[in-house]
Amino acid sequence: MLRVSGHNIFALKTGYDHTYSTYAPGLLLTSRVIRYGLEHGMEMLDLMAGKARWKVDWAGELRPHYDVLLFPPTPTGRYAYWVRYGVRQQAKKLPGAVRLASWLRARRLS
């Protein structure tokens, strides 16, 4: 999905299916977006979504991005905030919890 604001193009989300990787649809789409931008006087293409290795293939400079989570001031919003942050902060206070989380994360990645 693309959004255009002024002379900037923002690529909000892309997908990947290994089945079609030999055809490189992502490379083709990105090159078409760049061509469109050049033809229409765009100044910037922001691929967004944090630091991904594939972005370095398109540009030598990575811009920082920040996640902003907003919770409504409702009981549901407060519950969602507490689940997201409150539990995590309280768990960090338990002896060995951080070490256990690191160990579990390492096992999941391997």
N, C-alpha and C. Protein backbone atom coordinates (compact mmCIF):
# COMPACT_ATOMS: atom_id res chain seq x y z
N MET A 1 0.84 -1.16 0.00
CA MET A 1 0.00 0.00 0.00
C MET A 1 0.90 1.23 0.00
N LEU A 2 0.55 2.19 -0.81
CA LEU A 2 1.31 3.44 -0.91
C LEU A 2 0.44 4.62 -0.51
N ARG A 3 1.09 5.60 0.10
CA ARG A 3 0.44 6.88 0.39
C ARG A 3 1.35 7.97 -0.17
N VAL A 4 0.73 8.97 -0.76
CA VAL A 4 1.48 10.10 -1.29
C VAL A 4 1.10 11.33 -0.49
N SER A 5 2.10 12.05 -0.01
CA SER A 5 1.88 13.28 0.74
C SER A 5 2.87 14.32 0.21
N GLY A 6 2.34 15.32 -0.45
CA GLY A 6 3.23 16.31 -1.05
C GLY A 6 4.09 15.65 -2.11
N HIS A 7 5.40 15.76 -1.95
CA HIS A 7 6.34 15.14 -2.88
C HIS A 7 6.98 13.90 -2.27
N ASN A 8 6.29 13.26 -1.35
CA ASN A 8 6.81 12.07 -0.67
C ASN A 8 5.90 10.88 -0.87
N ILE A 9 6.50 9.71 -1.08
CA ILE A 9 5.77 8.46 -1.19
C ILE A 9 6.10 7.63 0.04
N PHE A 10 5.08 7.12 0.69
CA PHE A 10 5.26 6.25 1.85
C PHE A 10 4.73 4.87 1.50
N ALA A 11 5.60 3.87 1.56
CA ALA A 11 5.20 2.49 1.31
C ALA A 11 4.83 1.90 2.68
N LEU A 12 3.53 1.77 2.94
CA LEU A 12 3.08 1.39 4.26
C LEU A 12 3.27 -0.08 4.57
N LYS A 13 3.04 -0.95 3.62
CA LYS A 13 3.13 -2.37 3.93
C LYS A 13 3.39 -3.17 2.66
N THR A 14 4.31 -4.11 2.76
CA THR A 14 4.54 -5.04 1.67
C THR A 14 4.43 -6.45 2.23
N GLY A 15 4.28 -7.40 1.35
CA GLY A 15 4.20 -8.79 1.78
C GLY A 15 5.27 -9.60 1.10
N TYR A 16 5.44 -10.82 1.56
CA TYR A 16 6.45 -11.69 0.97
C TYR A 16 5.94 -13.13 0.97
N ASP A 17 6.04 -13.77 -0.17
CA ASP A 17 5.69 -15.18 -0.29
C ASP A 17 6.87 -15.87 -0.96
N HIS A 18 7.52 -16.76 -0.23
CA HIS A 18 8.72 -17.43 -0.73
C HIS A 18 8.46 -18.18 -2.04
N THR A 19 7.23 -18.59 -2.26
CA THR A 19 6.87 -19.33 -3.47
C THR A 19 7.23 -18.55 -4.73
N TYR A 20 7.10 -17.23 -4.68
CA TYR A 20 7.33 -16.39 -5.85
C TYR A 20 8.68 -15.67 -5.81
N SER A 21 9.55 -16.04 -4.90
CA SER A 21 10.81 -15.30 -4.72
C SER A 21 11.69 -15.32 -5.97
N THR A 22 11.64 -16.38 -6.76
CA THR A 22 12.47 -16.43 -7.97
C THR A 22 12.05 -15.39 -9.00
N TYR A 23 10.79 -14.94 -8.93
CA TYR A 23 10.30 -13.93 -9.86
C TYR A 23 10.51 -12.51 -9.34
N ALA A 24 10.90 -12.37 -8.09
CA ALA A 24 11.22 -11.08 -7.47
C ALA A 24 10.12 -10.03 -7.63
N PRO A 25 8.87 -10.35 -7.26
CA PRO A 25 7.80 -9.35 -7.43
C PRO A 25 8.04 -8.10 -6.58
N GLY A 26 8.63 -8.24 -5.41
CA GLY A 26 8.90 -7.08 -4.56
C GLY A 26 9.88 -6.12 -5.21
N LEU A 27 10.92 -6.68 -5.84
CA LEU A 27 11.89 -5.83 -6.54
C LEU A 27 11.24 -5.11 -7.71
N LEU A 28 10.40 -5.83 -8.45
CA LEU A 28 9.72 -5.22 -9.59
C LEU A 28 8.78 -4.11 -9.14
N LEU A 29 8.01 -4.36 -8.09
CA LEU A 29 7.08 -3.33 -7.59
C LEU A 29 7.83 -2.12 -7.06
N THR A 30 8.89 -2.35 -6.29
CA THR A 30 9.65 -1.23 -5.75
C THR A 30 10.28 -0.41 -6.86
N SER A 31 10.83 -1.07 -7.88
CA SER A 31 11.43 -0.32 -8.99
C SER A 31 10.36 0.49 -9.75
N ARG A 32 9.15 -0.06 -9.88
CA ARG A 32 8.07 0.68 -10.54
C ARG A 32 7.65 1.90 -9.71
N VAL A 33 7.62 1.73 -8.41
CA VAL A 33 7.27 2.87 -7.53
C VAL A 33 8.33 3.96 -7.64
N ILE A 34 9.60 3.57 -7.68
CA ILE A 34 10.67 4.55 -7.82
C ILE A 34 10.55 5.26 -9.17
N ARG A 35 10.30 4.50 -10.23
CA ARG A 35 10.13 5.11 -11.55
C ARG A 35 8.97 6.10 -11.55
N TYR A 36 7.84 5.69 -10.96
CA TYR A 36 6.68 6.58 -10.87
C TYR A 36 7.06 7.86 -10.12
N GLY A 37 7.75 7.71 -9.01
CA GLY A 37 8.16 8.87 -8.23
C GLY A 37 9.04 9.83 -9.02
N LEU A 38 9.99 9.28 -9.75
CA LEU A 38 10.88 10.12 -10.55
C LEU A 38 10.11 10.83 -11.66
N GLU A 39 9.18 10.13 -12.28
CA GLU A 39 8.40 10.72 -13.37
C GLU A 39 7.42 11.79 -12.89
N HIS A 40 7.05 11.74 -11.61
CA HIS A 40 6.06 12.69 -11.08
C HIS A 40 6.66 13.68 -10.08
N GLY A 41 7.96 13.84 -10.09
CA GLY A 41 8.61 14.86 -9.27
C GLY A 41 8.63 14.58 -7.78
N MET A 42 8.53 13.33 -7.41
CA MET A 42 8.60 12.99 -5.99
C MET A 42 10.03 13.18 -5.48
N GLU A 43 10.16 13.57 -4.23
CA GLU A 43 11.47 13.82 -3.65
C GLU A 43 11.95 12.69 -2.76
N MET A 44 11.02 11.86 -2.28
CA MET A 44 11.42 10.84 -1.33
C MET A 44 10.49 9.64 -1.41
N LEU A 45 11.08 8.45 -1.27
CA LEU A 45 10.33 7.21 -1.07
C LEU A 45 10.74 6.68 0.29
N ASP A 46 9.80 6.59 1.19
CA ASP A 46 10.06 6.08 2.53
C ASP A 46 9.48 4.67 2.60
N LEU A 47 10.34 3.66 2.74
CA LEU A 47 9.90 2.28 2.79
C LEU A 47 9.38 1.88 4.17
N MET A 48 9.57 2.74 5.13
CA MET A 48 9.03 2.62 6.49
C MET A 48 9.36 1.29 7.16
N ALA A 49 8.61 0.96 8.19
CA ALA A 49 8.68 -0.33 8.90
C ALA A 49 10.04 -0.69 9.48
N GLY A 50 10.76 0.28 10.00
CA GLY A 50 11.97 -0.04 10.74
C GLY A 50 13.16 -0.45 9.88
N LYS A 51 14.13 -1.06 10.54
CA LYS A 51 15.38 -1.45 9.88
C LYS A 51 15.25 -2.85 9.30
N ALA A 52 15.20 -2.95 8.01
CA ALA A 52 15.18 -4.24 7.34
C ALA A 52 16.37 -4.29 6.37
N ARG A 53 17.01 -5.45 6.30
CA ARG A 53 18.21 -5.57 5.47
C ARG A 53 17.95 -5.25 4.00
N TRP A 54 16.79 -5.63 3.49
CA TRP A 54 16.53 -5.43 2.07
C TRP A 54 16.47 -3.96 1.68
N LYS A 55 16.22 -3.08 2.63
CA LYS A 55 16.13 -1.65 2.33
C LYS A 55 17.47 -1.06 1.93
N VAL A 56 18.55 -1.62 2.45
CA VAL A 56 19.89 -1.13 2.13
C VAL A 56 20.19 -1.31 0.65
N ASP A 57 19.53 -2.28 0.00
CA ASP A 57 19.71 -2.47 -1.44
C ASP A 57 19.21 -1.28 -2.24
N TRP A 58 18.28 -0.52 -1.67
CA TRP A 58 17.66 0.59 -2.40
C TRP A 58 18.23 1.94 -2.00
N ALA A 59 18.81 2.06 -0.83
CA ALA A 59 19.32 3.35 -0.38
C ALA A 59 20.44 3.15 0.63
N GLY A 60 21.37 4.05 0.64
CA GLY A 60 22.48 3.96 1.58
C GLY A 60 22.16 4.57 2.93
N GLU A 61 21.01 5.21 3.04
CA GLU A 61 20.66 5.90 4.28
C GLU A 61 19.34 5.35 4.83
N LEU A 62 19.35 5.00 6.10
CA LEU A 62 18.12 4.55 6.76
C LEU A 62 17.65 5.63 7.71
N ARG A 63 16.39 5.99 7.59
CA ARG A 63 15.80 6.99 8.49
C ARG A 63 15.20 6.28 9.69
N PRO A 64 15.33 6.88 10.87
CA PRO A 64 14.74 6.24 12.05
C PRO A 64 13.22 6.33 12.02
N HIS A 65 12.58 5.30 12.54
CA HIS A 65 11.13 5.28 12.67
C HIS A 65 10.80 4.92 14.11
N TYR A 66 9.67 5.39 14.56
CA TYR A 66 9.26 5.16 15.94
C TYR A 66 7.86 4.60 15.97
N ASP A 67 7.62 3.68 16.86
CA ASP A 67 6.28 3.15 17.06
C ASP A 67 5.56 4.00 18.10
N VAL A 68 4.34 4.33 17.80
CA VAL A 68 3.51 5.07 18.74
C VAL A 68 2.24 4.24 18.97
N LEU A 69 2.05 3.81 20.19
CA LEU A 69 0.85 3.06 20.54
C LEU A 69 -0.07 3.97 21.34
N LEU A 70 -1.29 4.10 20.87
CA LEU A 70 -2.26 4.96 21.54
C LEU A 70 -3.35 4.09 22.16
N PHE A 71 -3.68 4.38 23.39
CA PHE A 71 -4.71 3.64 24.10
C PHE A 71 -5.81 4.61 24.51
N PRO A 72 -7.05 4.31 24.18
CA PRO A 72 -8.13 5.23 24.55
C PRO A 72 -8.35 5.23 26.06
N PRO A 73 -8.82 6.35 26.60
CA PRO A 73 -9.05 6.44 28.05
C PRO A 73 -10.36 5.76 28.45
N THR A 74 -10.47 4.50 28.11
CA THR A 74 -11.65 3.70 28.44
C THR A 74 -11.19 2.49 29.25
N PRO A 75 -12.08 1.79 29.89
CA PRO A 75 -11.66 0.57 30.60
C PRO A 75 -10.93 -0.42 29.68
N THR A 76 -11.41 -0.58 28.46
CA THR A 76 -10.74 -1.49 27.52
C THR A 76 -9.35 -0.99 27.17
N GLY A 77 -9.22 0.31 26.93
CA GLY A 77 -7.93 0.90 26.62
C GLY A 77 -6.96 0.79 27.78
N ARG A 78 -7.43 1.03 28.99
CA ARG A 78 -6.57 0.90 30.17
C ARG A 78 -6.13 -0.54 30.37
N TYR A 79 -7.03 -1.48 30.13
CA TYR A 79 -6.68 -2.89 30.25
C TYR A 79 -5.62 -3.26 29.21
N ALA A 80 -5.80 -2.80 27.97
CA ALA A 80 -4.83 -3.08 26.91
C ALA A 80 -3.46 -2.50 27.27
N TYR A 81 -3.45 -1.27 27.81
CA TYR A 81 -2.18 -0.65 28.22
C TYR A 81 -1.53 -1.47 29.33
N TRP A 82 -2.31 -1.87 30.32
CA TRP A 82 -1.76 -2.62 31.44
C TRP A 82 -1.19 -3.96 30.97
N VAL A 83 -1.91 -4.63 30.07
CA VAL A 83 -1.42 -5.91 29.56
C VAL A 83 -0.13 -5.69 28.78
N ARG A 84 -0.06 -4.63 27.99
CA ARG A 84 1.12 -4.37 27.16
C ARG A 84 2.32 -3.93 27.97
N TYR A 85 2.10 -3.04 28.95
CA TYR A 85 3.22 -2.46 29.68
C TYR A 85 3.26 -2.83 31.16
N GLY A 86 2.14 -2.87 31.82
CA GLY A 86 2.13 -3.13 33.25
C GLY A 86 2.67 -4.50 33.60
N VAL A 87 2.21 -5.53 32.91
CA VAL A 87 2.65 -6.88 33.19
C VAL A 87 4.14 -7.01 32.91
N ARG A 88 4.59 -6.44 31.81
CA ARG A 88 6.00 -6.52 31.43
C ARG A 88 6.89 -5.87 32.51
N GLN A 89 6.49 -4.69 32.96
CA GLN A 89 7.30 -3.99 33.96
C GLN A 89 7.32 -4.74 35.29
N GLN A 90 6.19 -5.29 35.68
CA GLN A 90 6.14 -6.05 36.93
C GLN A 90 6.95 -7.35 36.81
N ALA A 91 6.90 -7.99 35.64
CA ALA A 91 7.64 -9.24 35.45
C ALA A 91 9.14 -9.00 35.52
N LYS A 92 9.60 -7.84 35.06
CA LYS A 92 11.04 -7.54 35.11
C LYS A 92 11.56 -7.48 36.54
N LYS A 93 10.68 -7.24 37.49
CA LYS A 93 11.09 -7.14 38.89
C LYS A 93 11.29 -8.51 39.53
N LEU A 94 10.77 -9.58 38.88
CA LEU A 94 10.93 -10.92 39.44
C LEU A 94 12.36 -11.40 39.24
N PRO A 95 12.96 -12.02 40.26
CA PRO A 95 14.34 -12.50 40.11
C PRO A 95 14.45 -13.51 38.97
N GLY A 96 15.38 -13.27 38.06
CA GLY A 96 15.65 -14.18 36.95
C GLY A 96 14.70 -14.06 35.77
N ALA A 97 13.72 -13.19 35.83
CA ALA A 97 12.73 -13.09 34.76
C ALA A 97 13.35 -12.61 33.45
N VAL A 98 14.23 -11.63 33.52
CA VAL A 98 14.86 -11.10 32.31
C VAL A 98 15.74 -12.17 31.67
N ARG A 99 16.49 -12.88 32.49
CA ARG A 99 17.35 -13.95 31.99
C ARG A 99 16.51 -15.06 31.35
N LEU A 100 15.39 -15.42 31.97
CA LEU A 100 14.50 -16.43 31.43
C LEU A 100 13.91 -15.98 30.09
N ALA A 101 13.48 -14.73 30.00
CA ALA A 101 12.93 -14.20 28.76
C ALA A 101 13.97 -14.23 27.64
N SER A 102 15.21 -13.88 27.96
CA SER A 102 16.29 -13.92 26.96
C SER A 102 16.54 -15.35 26.49
N TRP A 103 16.53 -16.28 27.43
CA TRP A 103 16.75 -17.69 27.09
C TRP A 103 15.62 -18.20 26.19
N LEU A 104 14.38 -17.87 26.52
CA LEU A 104 13.24 -18.31 25.71
C LEU A 104 13.28 -17.69 24.32
N ARG A 105 13.65 -16.42 24.24
CA ARG A 105 13.75 -15.74 22.95
C ARG A 105 14.82 -16.39 22.08
N ALA A 106 15.96 -16.73 22.67
CA ALA A 106 17.05 -17.38 21.93
C ALA A 106 16.61 -18.75 21.41
N ARG A 107 15.87 -19.49 22.20
CA ARG A 107 15.40 -20.82 21.77
C ARG A 107 14.38 -20.71 20.65
N ARG A 108 13.56 -19.68 20.70
CA ARG A 108 12.54 -19.48 19.67
C ARG A 108 13.18 -19.13 18.34
N LEU A 109 14.28 -18.36 18.35
CA LEU A 109 14.94 -17.92 17.12
C LEU A 109 15.78 -19.02 16.49
N SER A 110 16.17 -20.02 17.28
CA SER A 110 17.02 -21.08 16.71
C SER A 110 16.22 -22.24 16.18
